């Protein structure tokens, strides 16, 4: 039986409910696909919990991989039987199958397993725009990456190092240090808001870093600003500790004419052309061995409540996938 996850109110993992699902005929520009694997991302938890508001009732999930079973009028980029993946909305990936806009489907190479595709497309595109567009890292760049043992952080560390950056990773616990090193970090610090900036200054021989990628938010904001060199860039792209506080413009001036930005995946994949280009870059990096899909935990789709609870409690590190 086909099923989908729906929420009718924001709240804890228990608000997610499985509902029966019937196959649907795709309209113009759409396909009907059945999932083989579904990616779970921190944004899903924020949307379910109400920290990021979505219209309710709603499905959840922005990332999946599967096979095309039917195509609508005008679809030419994919065909029935193709193995495909995707990494943006509309919401609804937590399902056995779904309708989806054909122009935002990515054909998967035969060598890439569907589980790996579902684990890497959303996170890989996020890493791609952050290190190639938001701040183009290159030889000699000094980068501080929070969450370096997590799904996105591991990809960012590996790609930034490949591009020639000196990568300092930040993790939440000592047990995660080795995972961040294996991912590509030259140095790894266990987060301590009071000591982090001084540690960064020590690791960079007083020069501090060019760019900070901060997915933590509220508790890390001050340490991030204090870790930047003059005219450095703070990239705040997550809020696992809560939304960061507003920054006084005078503070940026006082700390050396700093820059700050709050980028989003949606703004960097707004057109199908840009989305497909970023996805191709990710798949090419996987094929070249620069990025390694790492599935940390697998859950059946009907275990989605447990999957979210485990992520909220930090019981898994790395990519999480649901299997219909």
C-alpha atoms as a PDB file:
ATOM      1  CA  UNK A   1       0.000   0.000   0.000  1.00  0.00           C
ATOM      2  CA  UNK A   2       1.257   3.470  -0.867  1.00  0.00           C
ATOM      3  CA  UNK A   3       1.418   5.971   1.988  1.00  0.00           C
ATOM      4  CA  UNK A   4       2.477   9.539   2.652  1.00  0.00           C
ATOM      5  CA  UNK A   5       3.358  11.537   5.768  1.00  0.00           C
ATOM      6  CA  UNK A   6       1.158  14.532   6.602  1.00  0.00           C
ATOM      7  CA  UNK A   7       1.092  17.056   9.412  1.00  0.00           C
ATOM      8  CA  UNK A   8      -1.999  19.047  10.383  1.00  0.00           C
ATOM      9  CA  UNK A   9      -0.316  21.118  13.086  1.00  0.00           C
ATOM     10  CA  UNK A  10       3.215  22.072  14.067  1.00  0.00           C
ATOM     11  CA  UNK A  11       4.819  20.268  16.965  1.00  0.00           C
ATOM     12  CA  UNK A  12       7.020  17.349  17.987  1.00  0.00           C
ATOM     13  CA  UNK A  13       7.735  14.273  15.885  1.00  0.00           C
ATOM     14  CA  UNK A  14       4.428  12.748  16.993  1.00  0.00           C
ATOM     15  CA  UNK A  15       2.433  15.196  14.821  1.00  0.00           C
ATOM     16  CA  UNK A  16       3.496  13.264  11.712  1.00  0.00           C
ATOM     17  CA  UNK A  17       0.858  10.811  10.506  1.00  0.00           C
ATOM     18  CA  UNK A  18       0.867   8.181   7.776  1.00  0.00           C
ATOM     19  CA  UNK A  19      -2.051   8.437   5.354  1.00  0.00           C
ATOM     20  CA  UNK A  20      -3.035   6.162   2.442  1.00  0.00           C
ATOM     21  CA  UNK A  21      -2.002   7.364  -1.000  1.00  0.00           C
ATOM     22  CA  UNK A  22      -3.333   6.558  -4.463  1.00  0.00           C
ATOM     23  CA  UNK A  23      -1.257   6.876  -7.646  1.00  0.00           C
ATOM     24  CA  UNK A  24      -2.131  10.016  -9.604  1.00  0.00           C
ATOM     25  CA  UNK A  25      -2.059  10.870 -13.278  1.00  0.00           C
ATOM     26  CA  UNK A  26       0.609  13.488 -13.984  1.00  0.00           C
ATOM     27  CA  UNK A  27      -0.488  16.747 -15.554  1.00  0.00           C
ATOM     28  CA  UNK A  28       1.410  18.811 -18.090  1.00  0.00           C
ATOM     29  CA  UNK A  29       5.072  19.103 -17.103  1.00  0.00           C
ATOM     30  CA  UNK A  30       4.736  16.572 -14.278  1.00  0.00           C
ATOM     31  CA  UNK A  31       5.766  13.003 -13.596  1.00  0.00           C
ATOM     32  CA  UNK A  32       4.504  10.361 -11.209  1.00  0.00           C
ATOM     33  CA  UNK A  33       7.451   8.699  -9.505  1.00  0.00           C
ATOM     34  CA  UNK A  34       7.761   6.071  -6.820  1.00  0.00           C
ATOM     35  CA  UNK A  35      10.491   6.616  -4.262  1.00  0.00           C
ATOM     36  CA  UNK A  36      13.319   4.229  -3.549  1.00  0.00           C
ATOM     37  CA  UNK A  37      14.861   6.451  -0.871  1.00  0.00           C
ATOM     38  CA  UNK A  38      14.003   9.760   0.806  1.00  0.00           C
ATOM     39  CA  UNK A  39      16.443  12.203   2.352  1.00  0.00           C
ATOM     40  CA  UNK A  40      15.834  13.713   5.802  1.00  0.00           C
ATOM     41  CA  UNK A  41      17.251  17.169   6.436  1.00  0.00           C
ATOM     42  CA  UNK A  42      17.404  19.569   9.409  1.00  0.00           C
ATOM     43  CA  UNK A  43      15.055  21.913   7.544  1.00  0.00           C
ATOM     44  CA  UNK A  44      12.378  19.193   7.671  1.00  0.00           C
ATOM     45  CA  UNK A  45      12.528  19.237  11.466  1.00  0.00           C
ATOM     46  CA  UNK A  46      12.236  23.030  11.594  1.00  0.00           C
ATOM     47  CA  UNK A  47       9.228  22.983   9.260  1.00  0.00           C
ATOM     48  CA  UNK A  48       7.528  20.221  11.237  1.00  0.00           C
ATOM     49  CA  UNK A  49       8.228  21.974  14.545  1.00  0.00           C
ATOM     50  CA  UNK A  50       6.948  25.352  13.373  1.00  0.00           C
ATOM     51  CA  UNK A  51      10.252  27.236  13.587  1.00  0.00           C
ATOM     52  CA  UNK A  52      10.031  27.564   9.797  1.00  0.00           C
ATOM     53  CA  UNK A  53       6.383  28.127   8.952  1.00  0.00           C
ATOM     54  CA  UNK A  54       4.644  26.257   6.143  1.00  0.00           C
ATOM     55  CA  UNK A  55       0.966  26.221   5.159  1.00  0.00           C
ATOM     56  CA  UNK A  56      -0.901  23.437   6.976  1.00  0.00           C
ATOM     57  CA  UNK A  57      -1.933  20.719   6.473  1.00  0.00           C
ATOM     58  CA  UNK A  58       1.176  19.721   4.561  1.00  0.00           C
ATOM     59  CA  UNK A  59       3.505  16.986   3.516  1.00  0.00           C
ATOM     60  CA  UNK A  60       7.165  17.065   4.479  1.00  0.00           C
ATOM     61  CA  UNK A  61      10.456  16.418   2.746  1.00  0.00           C
ATOM     62  CA  UNK A  62      12.432  18.089  -0.036  1.00  0.00           C
ATOM     63  CA  UNK A  63      14.759  15.329  -1.224  1.00  0.00           C
ATOM     64  CA  UNK A  64      14.204  11.937  -2.785  1.00  0.00           C
ATOM     65  CA  UNK A  65      15.257   9.390  -5.368  1.00  0.00           C
ATOM     66  CA  UNK A  66      13.204   6.898  -7.291  1.00  0.00           C
ATOM     67  CA  UNK A  67      11.934   5.757 -10.670  1.00  0.00           C
ATOM     68  CA  UNK A  68       9.606   7.491 -13.118  1.00  0.00           C
ATOM     69  CA  UNK A  69       6.385   5.514 -13.645  1.00  0.00           C
ATOM     70  CA  UNK A  70       4.367   7.983 -15.744  1.00  0.00           C
ATOM     71  CA  UNK A  71       4.972  11.291 -17.520  1.00  0.00           C
ATOM     72  CA  UNK A  72       2.588  14.115 -18.369  1.00  0.00           C
ATOM     73  CA  UNK A  73       2.161  16.113 -21.524  1.00  0.00           C
ATOM     74  CA  UNK A  74       5.197  18.014 -22.707  1.00  0.00           C
ATOM     75  CA  UNK A  75       7.758  16.143 -20.598  1.00  0.00           C
ATOM     76  CA  UNK A  76      10.899  15.422 -22.618  1.00  0.00           C
ATOM     77  CA  UNK A  77      13.813  15.530 -20.174  1.00  0.00           C
ATOM     78  CA  UNK A  78      12.923  12.234 -18.469  1.00  0.00           C
ATOM     79  CA  UNK A  79      11.111   9.062 -19.525  1.00  0.00           C
ATOM     80  CA  UNK A  80       9.289   6.178 -17.899  1.00  0.00           C
ATOM     81  CA  UNK A  81      11.818   3.919 -16.200  1.00  0.00           C
ATOM     82  CA  UNK A  82      14.446   6.600 -15.592  1.00  0.00           C
ATOM     83  CA  UNK A  83      16.228   6.657 -12.239  1.00  0.00           C
ATOM     84  CA  UNK A  84      15.889  10.209 -10.919  1.00  0.00           C
ATOM     85  CA  UNK A  85      16.457  12.345  -7.863  1.00  0.00           C
ATOM     86  CA  UNK A  86      15.550  15.836  -6.684  1.00  0.00           C
ATOM     87  CA  UNK A  87      16.488  18.246  -3.923  1.00  0.00           C
ATOM     88  CA  UNK A  88      13.970  21.069  -3.747  1.00  0.00           C
ATOM     89  CA  UNK A  89      10.253  21.626  -3.217  1.00  0.00           C
ATOM     90  CA  UNK A  90       7.385  21.328  -3.521  1.00  0.00           C
ATOM     91  CA  UNK A  91       7.134  19.611  -0.151  1.00  0.00           C
ATOM     92  CA  UNK A  92       6.048  15.993  -0.089  1.00  0.00           C
ATOM     93  CA  UNK A  93       9.067  13.691  -0.347  1.00  0.00           C
ATOM     94  CA  UNK A  94       7.980  11.682   2.722  1.00  0.00           C
ATOM     95  CA  UNK A  95       5.805   9.377   0.638  1.00  0.00           C
ATOM     96  CA  UNK A  96       5.907   6.104  -1.280  1.00  0.00           C
ATOM     97  CA  UNK A  97       5.312   8.077  -4.467  1.00  0.00           C
ATOM     98  CA  UNK A  98       4.348  11.537  -5.661  1.00  0.00           C
ATOM     99  CA  UNK A  99       3.733  13.949  -8.487  1.00  0.00           C
ATOM    100  CA  UNK A 100       6.748  16.156  -9.174  1.00  0.00           C
ATOM    101  CA  UNK A 101       7.730  18.879 -11.698  1.00  0.00           C
ATOM    102  CA  UNK A 102       9.762  17.190 -14.420  1.00  0.00           C
ATOM    103  CA  UNK A 103      12.070  20.173 -14.982  1.00  0.00           C
ATOM    104  CA  UNK A 104      13.442  19.793 -11.449  1.00  0.00           C
ATOM    105  CA  UNK A 105      14.228  16.100 -11.712  1.00  0.00           C
ATOM    106  CA  UNK A 106      17.879  15.090 -12.012  1.00  0.00           C
ATOM    107  CA  UNK A 107      18.765  11.977 -13.971  1.00  0.00           C
ATOM    108  CA  UNK A 108      20.958   9.767 -11.809  1.00  0.00           C
ATOM    109  CA  UNK A 109      24.050   8.007 -13.136  1.00  0.00           C
ATOM    110  CA  UNK A 110      23.873   4.223 -13.026  1.00  0.00           C
ATOM    111  CA  UNK A 111      26.815   4.090 -10.631  1.00  0.00           C
ATOM    112  CA  UNK A 112      25.007   6.142  -7.950  1.00  0.00           C
ATOM    113  CA  UNK A 113      22.740   4.114  -5.673  1.00  0.00           C
ATOM    114  CA  UNK A 114      19.340   5.696  -4.933  1.00  0.00           C
ATOM    115  CA  UNK A 115      20.113   5.751  -1.184  1.00  0.00           C
ATOM    116  CA  UNK A 116      23.285   7.682  -1.873  1.00  0.00           C
ATOM    117  CA  UNK A 117      21.461  10.098  -4.181  1.00  0.00           C
ATOM    118  CA  UNK A 118      18.819  10.762  -1.518  1.00  0.00           C
ATOM    119  CA  UNK A 119      21.597  11.349   1.009  1.00  0.00           C
ATOM    120  CA  UNK A 120      23.635  13.779  -1.036  1.00  0.00           C
ATOM    121  CA  UNK A 121      21.622  15.894  -3.495  1.00  0.00           C
ATOM    122  CA  UNK A 122      20.036  18.398  -1.086  1.00  0.00           C
ATOM    123  CA  UNK A 123      23.118  18.556   1.131  1.00  0.00           C
ATOM    124  CA  UNK A 124      25.474  18.597  -1.835  1.00  0.00           C
ATOM    125  CA  UNK A 125      23.686  21.475  -3.572  1.00  0.00           C
ATOM    126  CA  UNK A 126      23.708  23.355  -0.263  1.00  0.00           C
ATOM    127  CA  UNK A 127      27.463  22.799   0.064  1.00  0.00           C
ATOM    128  CA  UNK A 128      27.961  23.768  -3.581  1.00  0.00           C
ATOM    129  CA  UNK A 129      26.319  27.177  -3.419  1.00  0.00           C
ATOM    130  CA  UNK A 130      27.889  27.996  -0.050  1.00  0.00           C
ATOM    131  CA  UNK A 131      31.481  27.329  -1.063  1.00  0.00           C
ATOM    132  CA  UNK A 132      31.284  28.280  -4.727  1.00  0.00           C
ATOM    133  CA  UNK A 133      28.842  31.204  -4.779  1.00  0.00           C
ATOM    134  CA  UNK A 134      28.225  32.680  -1.319  1.00  0.00           C
ATOM    135  CA  UNK A 135      31.992  32.773  -0.725  1.00  0.00           C
ATOM    136  CA  UNK A 136      34.061  31.220  -3.519  1.00  0.00           C
ATOM    137  CA  UNK A 137      36.757  29.394  -1.585  1.00  0.00           C
ATOM    138  CA  UNK A 138      40.056  28.624  -3.257  1.00  0.00           C
ATOM    139  CA  UNK A 139      43.766  28.147  -2.613  1.00  0.00           C
ATOM    140  CA  UNK A 140      44.724  29.813   0.645  1.00  0.00           C
ATOM    141  CA  UNK A 141      41.184  30.495   1.869  1.00  0.00           C
ATOM    142  CA  UNK A 142      40.830  30.011   5.612  1.00  0.00           C
ATOM    143  CA  UNK A 143      37.364  28.639   6.342  1.00  0.00           C
ATOM    144  CA  UNK A 144      35.629  27.848   9.627  1.00  0.00           C
ATOM    145  CA  UNK A 145      32.845  25.279   9.185  1.00  0.00           C
ATOM    146  CA  UNK A 146      30.415  24.480  11.983  1.00  0.00           C
ATOM    147  CA  UNK A 147      28.752  21.070  12.056  1.00  0.00           C
ATOM    148  CA  UNK A 148      31.761  19.574  10.302  1.00  0.00           C
ATOM    149  CA  UNK A 149      30.779  16.037  11.333  1.00  0.00           C
ATOM    150  CA  UNK A 150      27.211  16.421  10.052  1.00  0.00           C
ATOM    151  CA  UNK A 151      25.741  15.664   6.642  1.00  0.00           C
ATOM    152  CA  UNK A 152      26.302  19.087   5.041  1.00  0.00           C
ATOM    153  CA  UNK A 153      29.440  19.883   7.014  1.00  0.00           C
ATOM    154  CA  UNK A 154      31.291  16.774   5.876  1.00  0.00           C
ATOM    155  CA  UNK A 155      30.600  17.622   2.235  1.00  0.00           C
ATOM    156  CA  UNK A 156      31.645  21.251   2.715  1.00  0.00           C
ATOM    157  CA  UNK A 157      34.890  20.243   4.415  1.00  0.00           C
ATOM    158  CA  UNK A 158      35.803  17.779   1.684  1.00  0.00           C
ATOM    159  CA  UNK A 159      34.989  20.152  -1.168  1.00  0.00           C
ATOM    160  CA  UNK A 160      36.635  23.188   0.415  1.00  0.00           C
ATOM    161  CA  UNK A 161      39.824  21.236   1.069  1.00  0.00           C
ATOM    162  CA  UNK A 162      39.829  19.952  -2.522  1.00  0.00           C
ATOM    163  CA  UNK A 163      39.588  23.567  -3.697  1.00  0.00           C
ATOM    164  CA  UNK A 164      42.687  24.462  -1.672  1.00  0.00           C
ATOM    165  CA  UNK A 165      41.209  25.931   1.503  1.00  0.00           C
ATOM    166  CA  UNK A 166      42.588  25.541   5.004  1.00  0.00           C
ATOM    167  CA  UNK A 167      39.585  24.079   6.814  1.00  0.00           C
ATOM    168  CA  UNK A 168      38.880  24.386  10.528  1.00  0.00           C
ATOM    169  CA  UNK A 169      35.898  22.305  11.562  1.00  0.00           C
ATOM    170  CA  UNK A 170      33.735  22.822  14.625  1.00  0.00           C
ATOM    171  CA  UNK A 171      31.891  19.892  16.224  1.00  0.00           C
ATOM    172  CA  UNK A 172      29.622  19.629  19.236  1.00  0.00           C
ATOM    173  CA  UNK A 173      31.326  16.732  21.038  1.00  0.00           C
ATOM    174  CA  UNK A 174      34.734  15.061  21.244  1.00  0.00           C
ATOM    175  CA  UNK A 175      33.371  11.843  19.717  1.00  0.00           C
ATOM    176  CA  UNK A 176      32.830  13.713  16.439  1.00  0.00           C
ATOM    177  CA  UNK A 177      36.377  15.017  16.033  1.00  0.00           C
ATOM    178  CA  UNK A 178      37.693  12.062  14.062  1.00  0.00           C
ATOM    179  CA  UNK A 179      34.699  12.049  11.710  1.00  0.00           C
ATOM    180  CA  UNK A 180      35.365  15.686  10.858  1.00  0.00           C
ATOM    181  CA  UNK A 181      39.058  15.003  10.267  1.00  0.00           C
ATOM    182  CA  UNK A 182      38.270  12.113   7.926  1.00  0.00           C
ATOM    183  CA  UNK A 183      35.869  14.389   6.044  1.00  0.00           C
ATOM    184  CA  UNK A 184      38.681  16.830   5.237  1.00  0.00           C
ATOM    185  CA  UNK A 185      39.256  19.247   8.115  1.00  0.00           C
ATOM    186  CA  UNK A 186      42.854  20.258   8.802  1.00  0.00           C
ATOM    187  CA  UNK A 187      41.937  21.218  12.378  1.00  0.00           C
ATOM    188  CA  UNK A 188      38.878  20.366  14.479  1.00  0.00           C
ATOM    189  CA  UNK A 189      37.600  22.280  17.506  1.00  0.00           C
ATOM    190  CA  UNK A 190      34.968  21.145  19.984  1.00  0.00           C
ATOM    191  CA  UNK A 191      32.548  24.043  20.333  1.00  0.00           C
ATOM    192  CA  UNK A 192      33.024  26.289  23.337  1.00  0.00           C
ATOM    193  CA  UNK A 193      31.496  29.722  22.762  1.00  0.00           C
ATOM    194  CA  UNK A 194      33.875  31.399  25.207  1.00  0.00           C
ATOM    195  CA  UNK A 195      37.069  29.902  23.749  1.00  0.00           C
ATOM    196  CA  UNK A 196      36.372  29.372  20.066  1.00  0.00           C
ATOM    197  CA  UNK A 197      37.589  32.708  18.695  1.00  0.00           C
ATOM    198  CA  UNK A 198      40.873  32.457  20.610  1.00  0.00           C
ATOM    199  CA  UNK A 199      41.353  28.887  19.360  1.00  0.00           C
ATOM    200  CA  UNK A 200      40.748  29.991  15.778  1.00  0.00           C
ATOM    201  CA  UNK A 201      43.246  32.794  16.167  1.00  0.00           C
ATOM    202  CA  UNK A 202      45.803  30.299  17.478  1.00  0.00           C
ATOM    203  CA  UNK A 203      45.207  27.817  14.618  1.00  0.00           C
ATOM    204  CA  UNK A 204      45.630  30.585  12.033  1.00  0.00           C
ATOM    205  CA  UNK A 205      48.687  32.193  13.640  1.00  0.00           C
ATOM    206  CA  UNK A 206      46.697  35.310  14.453  1.00  0.00           C
ATOM    207  CA  UNK A 207      45.199  35.853  10.991  1.00  0.00           C
ATOM    208  CA  UNK A 208      41.718  34.495  11.812  1.00  0.00           C
ATOM    209  CA  UNK A 209      39.520  33.175   8.979  1.00  0.00           C
ATOM    210  CA  UNK A 210      38.207  34.620   5.735  1.00  0.00           C
ATOM    211  CA  UNK A 211      34.777  33.039   6.033  1.00  0.00           C
ATOM    212  CA  UNK A 212      32.675  31.423   8.757  1.00  0.00           C
ATOM    213  CA  UNK A 213      29.909  29.003   7.784  1.00  0.00           C
ATOM    214  CA  UNK A 214      27.624  29.013  10.811  1.00  0.00           C
ATOM    215  CA  UNK A 215      24.669  26.618  10.913  1.00  0.00           C
ATOM    216  CA  UNK A 216      24.254  26.880  14.711  1.00  0.00           C
ATOM    217  CA  UNK A 217      22.743  30.339  15.067  1.00  0.00           C
ATOM    218  CA  UNK A 218      22.043  31.991  18.384  1.00  0.00           C
ATOM    219  CA  UNK A 219      24.737  30.544  20.668  1.00  0.00           C
ATOM    220  CA  UNK A 220      27.561  30.795  18.118  1.00  0.00           C
ATOM    221  CA  UNK A 221      26.993  34.249  16.635  1.00  0.00           C
ATOM    222  CA  UNK A 222      29.451  36.191  18.790  1.00  0.00           C
ATOM    223  CA  UNK A 223      32.186  33.570  18.477  1.00  0.00           C
ATOM    224  CA  UNK A 224      31.720  33.561  14.706  1.00  0.00           C
ATOM    225  CA  UNK A 225      32.069  37.336  14.401  1.00  0.00           C
ATOM    226  CA  UNK A 226      35.151  37.300  16.613  1.00  0.00           C
ATOM    227  CA  UNK A 227      36.778  34.609  14.454  1.00  0.00           C
ATOM    228  CA  UNK A 228      36.735  36.689  11.262  1.00  0.00           C
ATOM    229  CA  UNK A 229      39.577  38.713   9.817  1.00  0.00           C
ATOM    230  CA  UNK A 230      38.878  42.313   8.765  1.00  0.00           C
ATOM    231  CA  UNK A 231      36.414  42.317   5.837  1.00  0.00           C
ATOM    232  CA  UNK A 232      35.684  38.647   6.425  1.00  0.00           C
ATOM    233  CA  UNK A 233      32.281  37.125   5.723  1.00  0.00           C
ATOM    234  CA  UNK A 234      29.846  35.530   8.174  1.00  0.00           C
ATOM    235  CA  UNK A 235      27.583  33.044   6.392  1.00  0.00           C
ATOM    236  CA  UNK A 236      24.684  32.232   8.699  1.00  0.00           C
ATOM    237  CA  UNK A 237      22.688  29.435   7.081  1.00  0.00           C
ATOM    238  CA  UNK A 238      21.132  27.469   9.932  1.00  0.00           C
ATOM    239  CA  UNK A 239      19.649  27.819  13.376  1.00  0.00           C
ATOM    240  CA  UNK A 240      20.000  24.587  15.321  1.00  0.00           C
ATOM    241  CA  UNK A 241      20.338  26.613  18.555  1.00  0.00           C
ATOM    242  CA  UNK A 242      17.675  29.135  17.570  1.00  0.00           C
ATOM    243  CA  UNK A 243      17.651  32.070  15.187  1.00  0.00           C
ATOM    244  CA  UNK A 244      20.699  34.331  15.540  1.00  0.00           C
ATOM    245  CA  UNK A 245      20.121  37.686  17.189  1.00  0.00           C
ATOM    246  CA  UNK A 246      20.084  40.843  15.045  1.00  0.00           C
ATOM    247  CA  UNK A 247      23.514  42.322  14.390  1.00  0.00           C
ATOM    248  CA  UNK A 248      24.039  46.038  14.936  1.00  0.00           C
ATOM    249  CA  UNK A 249      25.545  47.603  11.827  1.00  0.00           C
ATOM    250  CA  UNK A 250      28.048  49.406  14.036  1.00  0.00           C
ATOM    251  CA  UNK A 251      29.288  46.010  15.269  1.00  0.00           C
ATOM    252  CA  UNK A 252      30.309  45.013  11.751  1.00  0.00           C
ATOM    253  CA  UNK A 253      32.245  48.257  11.455  1.00  0.00           C
ATOM    254  CA  UNK A 254      33.929  47.908  14.834  1.00  0.00           C
ATOM    255  CA  UNK A 255      35.125  44.380  14.115  1.00  0.00           C
ATOM    256  CA  UNK A 256      36.852  45.325  10.888  1.00  0.00           C
ATOM    257  CA  UNK A 257      34.235  46.129   8.245  1.00  0.00           C
ATOM    258  CA  UNK A 258      32.795  42.620   8.331  1.00  0.00           C
ATOM    259  CA  UNK A 259      30.199  41.281   5.914  1.00  0.00           C
ATOM    260  CA  UNK A 260      27.254  39.069   6.889  1.00  0.00           C
ATOM    261  CA  UNK A 261      24.716  37.138   4.848  1.00  0.00           C
ATOM    262  CA  UNK A 262      21.817  34.765   5.421  1.00  0.00           C
ATOM    263  CA  UNK A 263      21.562  32.723   2.193  1.00  0.00           C
ATOM    264  CA  UNK A 264      18.955  30.120   1.261  1.00  0.00           C
ATOM    265  CA  UNK A 265      18.848  27.131  -1.048  1.00  0.00           C
ATOM    266  CA  UNK A 266      15.660  28.459  -2.656  1.00  0.00           C
ATOM    267  CA  UNK A 267      17.329  31.686  -3.744  1.00  0.00           C
ATOM    268  CA  UNK A 268      20.218  29.749  -5.294  1.00  0.00           C
ATOM    269  CA  UNK A 269      18.018  27.270  -7.199  1.00  0.00           C
ATOM    270  CA  UNK A 270      15.209  29.618  -8.214  1.00  0.00           C
ATOM    271  CA  UNK A 271      15.423  28.724 -11.903  1.00  0.00           C
ATOM    272  CA  UNK A 272      15.513  25.205 -13.308  1.00  0.00           C
ATOM    273  CA  UNK A 273      18.698  26.089 -15.201  1.00  0.00           C
ATOM    274  CA  UNK A 274      20.605  27.160 -12.093  1.00  0.00           C
ATOM    275  CA  UNK A 275      19.256  24.212 -10.098  1.00  0.00           C
ATOM    276  CA  UNK A 276      20.330  21.702 -12.751  1.00  0.00           C
ATOM    277  CA  UNK A 277      23.786  23.284 -13.039  1.00  0.00           C
ATOM    278  CA  UNK A 278      24.385  22.990  -9.315  1.00  0.00           C
ATOM    279  CA  UNK A 279      23.097  19.408  -9.286  1.00  0.00           C
ATOM    280  CA  UNK A 280      25.440  18.482 -12.156  1.00  0.00           C
ATOM    281  CA  UNK A 281      28.360  19.961 -10.249  1.00  0.00           C
ATOM    282  CA  UNK A 282      27.479  17.800  -7.239  1.00  0.00           C
ATOM    283  CA  UNK A 283      27.162  14.614  -9.292  1.00  0.00           C
ATOM    284  CA  UNK A 284      30.457  15.354 -11.062  1.00  0.00           C
ATOM    285  CA  UNK A 285      32.149  15.831  -7.686  1.00  0.00           C
ATOM    286  CA  UNK A 286      30.749  12.489  -6.525  1.00  0.00           C
ATOM    287  CA  UNK A 287      31.952  10.761  -9.704  1.00  0.00           C
ATOM    288  CA  UNK A 288      35.412  12.301  -9.233  1.00  0.00           C
ATOM    289  CA  UNK A 289      35.596  11.065  -5.638  1.00  0.00           C
ATOM    290  CA  UNK A 290      35.675  14.584  -4.186  1.00  0.00           C
ATOM    291  CA  UNK A 291      32.397  13.990  -2.334  1.00  0.00           C
ATOM    292  CA  UNK A 292      31.483  10.727  -0.639  1.00  0.00           C
ATOM    293  CA  UNK A 293      27.828   9.929   0.104  1.00  0.00           C
ATOM    294  CA  UNK A 294      27.701   8.751   3.708  1.00  0.00           C
ATOM    295  CA  UNK A 295      24.414   7.315   4.933  1.00  0.00           C
ATOM    296  CA  UNK A 296      24.585   7.379   8.718  1.00  0.00           C
ATOM    297  CA  UNK A 297      21.185   5.843   9.449  1.00  0.00           C
ATOM    298  CA  UNK A 298      18.328   4.197   7.564  1.00  0.00           C
ATOM    299  CA  UNK A 299      14.711   4.058   8.731  1.00  0.00           C
ATOM    300  CA  UNK A 300      11.596   2.607   7.171  1.00  0.00           C
ATOM    301  CA  UNK A 301       9.120   5.287   6.156  1.00  0.00           C
ATOM    302  CA  UNK A 302       6.782   4.183   8.944  1.00  0.00           C
ATOM    303  CA  UNK A 303       9.604   4.899  11.421  1.00  0.00           C
ATOM    304  CA  UNK A 304       9.696   8.592  10.500  1.00  0.00           C
ATOM    305  CA  UNK A 305       8.715   9.683  14.026  1.00  0.00           C
ATOM    306  CA  UNK A 306      11.715   7.835  15.440  1.00  0.00           C
ATOM    307  CA  UNK A 307      13.988   9.258  12.744  1.00  0.00           C
ATOM    308  CA  UNK A 308      13.066  12.835  13.662  1.00  0.00           C
ATOM    309  CA  UNK A 309      13.361  12.124  17.397  1.00  0.00           C
ATOM    310  CA  UNK A 310      16.823  10.626  16.944  1.00  0.00           C
ATOM    311  CA  UNK A 311      17.982  13.612  14.893  1.00  0.00           C
ATOM    312  CA  UNK A 312      16.691  16.074  17.475  1.00  0.00           C
ATOM    313  CA  UNK A 313      18.550  14.218  20.217  1.00  0.00           C
ATOM    314  CA  UNK A 314      21.781  14.040  18.207  1.00  0.00           C
ATOM    315  CA  UNK A 315      21.732  10.258  18.094  1.00  0.00           C
ATOM    316  CA  UNK A 316      22.966  10.106  14.508  1.00  0.00           C
ATOM    317  CA  UNK A 317      25.680  12.048  12.740  1.00  0.00           C
ATOM    318  CA  UNK A 318      25.561  12.356   8.986  1.00  0.00           C
ATOM    319  CA  UNK A 319      22.913  11.685   6.366  1.00  0.00           C
ATOM    320  CA  UNK A 320      19.611  10.032   7.308  1.00  0.00           C
ATOM    321  CA  UNK A 321      17.360   8.336   4.766  1.00  0.00           C
ATOM    322  CA  UNK A 322      13.854   6.886   4.835  1.00  0.00           C
ATOM    323  CA  UNK A 323      13.099   3.739   2.857  1.00  0.00           C
ATOM    324  CA  UNK A 324       9.491   3.322   1.599  1.00  0.00           C
END
